[in-house]
Structures are given as structure tokens and as C-alpha cells.
Amino acid sequence: MVKVLLLTAMLSGVRAEAPSRARAFLLSLVLPAAGHRYLGEQVTSAWSLKAEAGLWAAYLGLSTWASWREEDAWAYAAAVAGARGSRDDRKLWDAMGFYDNVREYNLEVAWREGSSARTYPERPPTWDWPGEGERLRFKSLKDSSLRARHRARMVLWCIMGYHLTSALRALKAAGSSEVSAIPEPYGVRMVVVRRFR
């Protein structure tokens, strides 16, 4: 909403001079479609807006999917293995996917790290999988959540790269334009002429 209000304010009014390089850069950095529109590229602006909407939809969809899968994994662990503990504890989250129960984990980590090892309480057990199939099902849910989060971050990087690329392109395009005024019966029509080098 803030983007829309900002862009509306910046795009309102008729330009009588060549497009400002700084304004074109900033508009494209905030919303690439606005930068294209400011430069008079209506078709490119429409396609750019569709691309922007698609990228944000992909990001939100992947983030939502990751949250749902994480909820499913935690609920499954609590129901099947009696999992207790903080969901923010990533070490616990990983240990539940690799070890059948807390005792097995505690023995392994104590053997590897000695007295400085971080262990979890065994009474009541932090988790205890009834079998390997249940543990692998949990691990699959957990891993799909992590993959979706990773993909969402990749889409976010793509969005940022798209904005930066569009801003640099607008900066270059704004520097190679000139505005002409053409008299008409009911006023003056402004025409942006692009020089291509």
C-alpha cells in the first residue's frame, strides 16, 4: 500500500522536461513497473508488473507451504513420538530426524563431545519414535519444510536482483531521452524520444 501511494505521488503531474535519471532509478528500484511507466514504456510496464506479482506470489506461496509443513512435522512428532521442547531449537529438530529416541542421541553425543555435550532430558523422554518408518516420515516432513524455506529465500534474492537490474536499466534509459512538445488543438502533447547508441 505504501508503495502504491508513493508511486502515485511520484507519477502524478505532467513532465515538461526529460525524465530524471534519479527518479527513474528510484522508481524502478521500488517497483520496476513504475520506472518503466515513468519512462513512457507502457507495454514493458504491464509485463513488469505481472512479473513482479508472479515473483511475490511464488515467495508467499513457498513461505506459507514451508510453515504448513513445519507445523505438520511438529504436530506429527508430538503425536507419534511424544516430542517436547522448543520448536526453535534446530539441534533438537535435527536430532529427532536422525535418532530413534533421546537416549540414543544422548549416548552418541556424550561419546563424541564428552562432558561438554548438550543432552536432552530422558525422563520424561524428549522424543521416542515407535519405529524407523515414523522417524523417516517426520524427517521427510521436516526436510520438505526446509527445502521450501530455501526456495522462498532464492525467490526473494531473485526479486532483489530484478529490482536492481531494472533500476540500472532505467538509469541508462533515462539518460538517453529527450522530450518534445507537439501542439494540438486542445493543448500540448509531450513525446519522449529515445536515442539508441
Protein backbone atom coordinates (compact mmCIF):
# COMPACT_ATOMS: atom_id res chain seq x y z
CA MET A 1 0.00 0.00 0.00
CA VAL A 2 2.83 2.37 0.85
CA LYS A 3 4.48 1.59 -2.49
CA VAL A 4 1.26 2.45 -4.35
CA LEU A 5 0.83 5.79 -2.55
CA LEU A 6 4.49 6.70 -3.07
CA LEU A 7 4.34 5.79 -6.75
CA THR A 8 1.08 7.65 -7.30
CA ALA A 9 2.57 10.78 -5.78
CA MET A 10 5.74 10.48 -7.84
CA LEU A 11 3.93 9.77 -11.11
CA SER A 12 1.29 12.47 -10.78
CA GLY A 13 1.78 15.58 -12.83
CA VAL A 14 2.95 16.10 -16.40
CA ARG A 15 6.64 16.26 -17.15
CA ALA A 16 7.86 19.08 -19.32
CA GLU A 17 11.50 18.02 -19.24
CA ALA A 18 13.45 14.86 -19.92
CA PRO A 19 12.92 12.07 -17.41
CA SER A 20 15.02 12.44 -14.29
CA ARG A 21 17.69 9.76 -14.01
CA ALA A 22 17.42 9.72 -10.20
CA ARG A 23 13.63 9.42 -10.23
CA ALA A 24 13.70 6.68 -12.87
CA PHE A 25 16.31 4.80 -10.83
CA LEU A 26 14.38 5.11 -7.55
CA LEU A 27 11.01 4.23 -9.06
CA SER A 28 12.47 1.12 -10.71
CA LEU A 29 14.25 0.16 -7.52
CA VAL A 30 10.99 0.32 -5.53
CA LEU A 31 8.71 -1.15 -8.21
CA PRO A 32 10.14 -1.87 -11.67
CA ALA A 33 6.78 -1.32 -13.40
CA ALA A 34 6.66 2.25 -12.06
CA GLY A 35 10.08 3.01 -13.51
CA HIS A 36 9.01 1.72 -16.93
CA ARG A 37 5.79 3.74 -16.76
CA TYR A 38 7.71 6.87 -15.78
CA LEU A 39 9.91 6.41 -18.85
CA GLY A 40 6.83 6.02 -21.06
CA GLU A 41 7.23 2.29 -21.66
CA GLN A 42 3.60 1.23 -21.12
CA VAL A 43 3.82 -2.32 -22.53
CA THR A 44 7.01 -3.07 -20.64
CA SER A 45 5.40 -1.62 -17.52
CA ALA A 46 2.45 -4.01 -17.80
CA TRP A 47 4.71 -7.05 -18.27
CA SER A 48 6.97 -5.90 -15.47
CA LEU A 49 4.01 -5.60 -13.10
CA LYS A 50 2.89 -9.13 -13.99
CA ALA A 51 6.40 -10.47 -13.37
CA GLU A 52 6.57 -8.67 -10.03
CA ALA A 53 3.20 -10.08 -8.96
CA GLY A 54 4.27 -13.58 -10.02
CA LEU A 55 7.54 -13.42 -8.08
CA TRP A 56 5.83 -12.19 -4.90
CA ALA A 57 3.12 -14.85 -5.27
CA ALA A 58 5.85 -17.51 -5.55
CA TYR A 59 7.61 -16.16 -2.46
CA LEU A 60 4.44 -16.02 -0.36
CA GLY A 61 3.32 -19.44 -1.59
CA LEU A 62 6.63 -21.09 -0.74
CA SER A 63 6.83 -19.38 2.66
CA THR A 64 3.29 -20.47 3.51
CA TRP A 65 3.98 -24.02 2.33
CA ALA A 66 7.14 -24.15 4.49
CA SER A 67 5.19 -23.02 7.55
CA TRP A 68 2.46 -25.58 6.95
CA ARG A 69 4.97 -28.40 6.54
CA GLU A 70 6.80 -27.33 9.70
CA GLU A 71 3.51 -27.31 11.61
CA ASP A 72 2.69 -30.76 10.23
CA ALA A 73 6.12 -32.13 11.18
CA TRP A 74 5.92 -30.76 14.73
CA ALA A 75 2.35 -31.99 15.23
CA TYR A 76 3.35 -35.42 13.90
CA ALA A 77 6.37 -35.58 16.24
CA ALA A 78 4.27 -34.57 19.23
CA ALA A 79 1.51 -37.09 18.43
CA VAL A 80 3.66 -40.07 17.44
CA ALA A 81 6.92 -39.62 19.38
CA GLY A 82 5.68 -37.50 22.29
CA ALA A 83 8.10 -34.73 21.26
CA ARG A 84 8.65 -31.97 23.80
CA GLY A 85 10.86 -28.93 23.64
CA SER A 86 11.24 -25.69 21.77
CA ARG A 87 10.41 -25.66 18.08
CA ASP A 88 13.10 -23.02 17.65
CA ASP A 89 15.79 -25.45 18.83
CA ARG A 90 17.22 -26.51 15.45
CA LYS A 91 19.59 -29.02 17.05
CA LEU A 92 16.62 -30.82 18.64
CA TRP A 93 14.74 -30.60 15.35
CA ASP A 94 17.64 -32.32 13.53
CA ALA A 95 18.27 -34.88 16.28
CA MET A 96 14.65 -36.05 16.16
CA GLY A 97 15.09 -36.77 12.45
CA PHE A 98 18.27 -38.81 12.86
CA TYR A 99 17.87 -40.67 16.18
CA ASP A 100 15.09 -43.05 17.21
CA ASN A 101 14.93 -41.69 20.76
CA VAL A 102 16.52 -39.23 23.15
CA ARG A 103 18.60 -41.92 24.91
CA GLU A 104 20.27 -42.94 21.65
CA TYR A 105 21.05 -39.29 20.90
CA ASN A 106 22.38 -38.57 24.41
CA LEU A 107 24.71 -41.60 24.32
CA GLU A 108 26.05 -40.69 20.89
CA VAL A 109 26.62 -37.01 21.66
CA ALA A 110 28.19 -37.76 25.09
CA TRP A 111 30.58 -40.23 23.45
CA ARG A 112 31.58 -37.70 20.74
CA GLU A 113 31.73 -34.49 22.79
CA GLY A 114 32.30 -35.71 26.33
CA SER A 115 31.07 -33.80 29.37
CA SER A 116 30.51 -30.58 27.39
CA ALA A 117 27.84 -32.28 25.26
CA ARG A 118 24.37 -30.79 25.14
CA THR A 119 21.90 -33.51 26.05
CA TYR A 120 18.12 -33.59 26.42
CA PRO A 121 16.09 -34.90 29.38
CA GLU A 122 15.27 -38.61 29.29
CA ARG A 123 12.54 -38.54 31.97
CA PRO A 124 10.02 -37.88 30.53
CA PRO A 125 11.62 -38.54 27.14
CA THR A 126 12.01 -35.57 24.81
CA TRP A 127 11.09 -37.94 21.97
CA ASP A 128 10.80 -41.68 21.37
CA TRP A 129 9.86 -42.91 17.88
CA PRO A 130 7.93 -46.22 17.81
CA GLY A 131 9.84 -47.28 14.68
CA GLU A 132 12.12 -46.19 11.88
CA GLY A 133 9.21 -45.60 9.47
CA GLU A 134 7.68 -42.95 11.74
CA ARG A 135 11.04 -41.24 12.21
CA LEU A 136 11.63 -41.18 8.45
CA ARG A 137 8.14 -39.76 7.88
CA PHE A 138 8.96 -36.94 10.33
CA LYS A 139 12.32 -36.36 8.63
CA SER A 140 10.59 -36.14 5.26
CA LEU A 141 8.13 -33.52 6.56
CA LYS A 142 10.94 -31.55 8.19
CA ASP A 143 13.13 -31.68 5.09
CA SER A 144 10.31 -30.55 2.79
CA SER A 145 9.77 -27.56 5.08
CA LEU A 146 13.46 -26.65 4.92
CA ARG A 147 13.53 -27.03 1.12
CA ALA A 148 10.51 -24.73 0.75
CA ARG A 149 12.14 -22.12 3.02
CA HIS A 150 15.32 -22.30 0.96
CA ARG A 151 13.38 -21.87 -2.28
CA ALA A 152 11.47 -18.92 -0.82
CA ARG A 153 14.80 -17.26 0.03
CA MET A 154 16.02 -17.90 -3.52
CA VAL A 155 12.89 -16.23 -4.93
CA LEU A 156 13.48 -13.27 -2.60
CA TRP A 157 17.03 -12.94 -3.96
CA CYS A 158 15.57 -13.06 -7.49
CA ILE A 159 13.17 -10.24 -6.61
CA MET A 160 16.00 -8.13 -5.25
CA GLY A 161 18.13 -8.83 -8.35
CA TYR A 162 15.20 -8.00 -10.62
CA HIS A 163 14.68 -4.65 -8.86
CA LEU A 164 18.36 -3.74 -9.04
CA THR A 165 18.66 -4.74 -12.71
CA SER A 166 15.54 -2.77 -13.57
CA ALA A 167 16.82 0.28 -11.69
CA LEU A 168 20.16 0.21 -13.53
CA ARG A 169 18.38 -0.23 -16.86
CA ALA A 170 16.09 2.73 -16.08
CA LEU A 171 19.09 4.84 -15.13
CA LYS A 172 20.65 4.16 -18.51
CA ALA A 173 17.38 4.63 -20.43
CA ALA A 174 16.58 7.95 -18.71
CA GLY A 175 19.93 9.36 -19.75
CA SER A 176 19.25 8.72 -23.44
CA SER A 177 15.89 10.50 -23.74
CA GLU A 178 14.66 13.91 -24.74
CA VAL A 179 11.18 15.38 -24.53
CA SER A 180 9.42 17.16 -27.38
CA ALA A 181 6.26 19.25 -27.13
CA ILE A 182 3.80 18.90 -30.02
CA PRO A 183 0.98 21.45 -30.25
CA GLU A 184 -2.53 20.00 -30.58
CA PRO A 185 -5.98 21.62 -30.88
CA TYR A 186 -6.78 21.09 -27.18
CA GLY A 187 -3.38 21.50 -25.60
CA VAL A 188 0.13 20.19 -25.88
CA ARG A 189 1.18 16.57 -26.23
CA MET A 190 4.50 15.54 -24.68
CA VAL A 191 6.54 12.98 -26.59
CA VAL A 192 9.58 11.16 -25.21
CA VAL A 193 12.13 10.39 -27.91
CA ARG A 194 14.78 7.78 -27.18
CA ARG A 195 18.20 7.85 -28.72
CA PHE A 196 19.79 4.42 -29.05
CA ARG A 197 23.56 4.30 -29.16
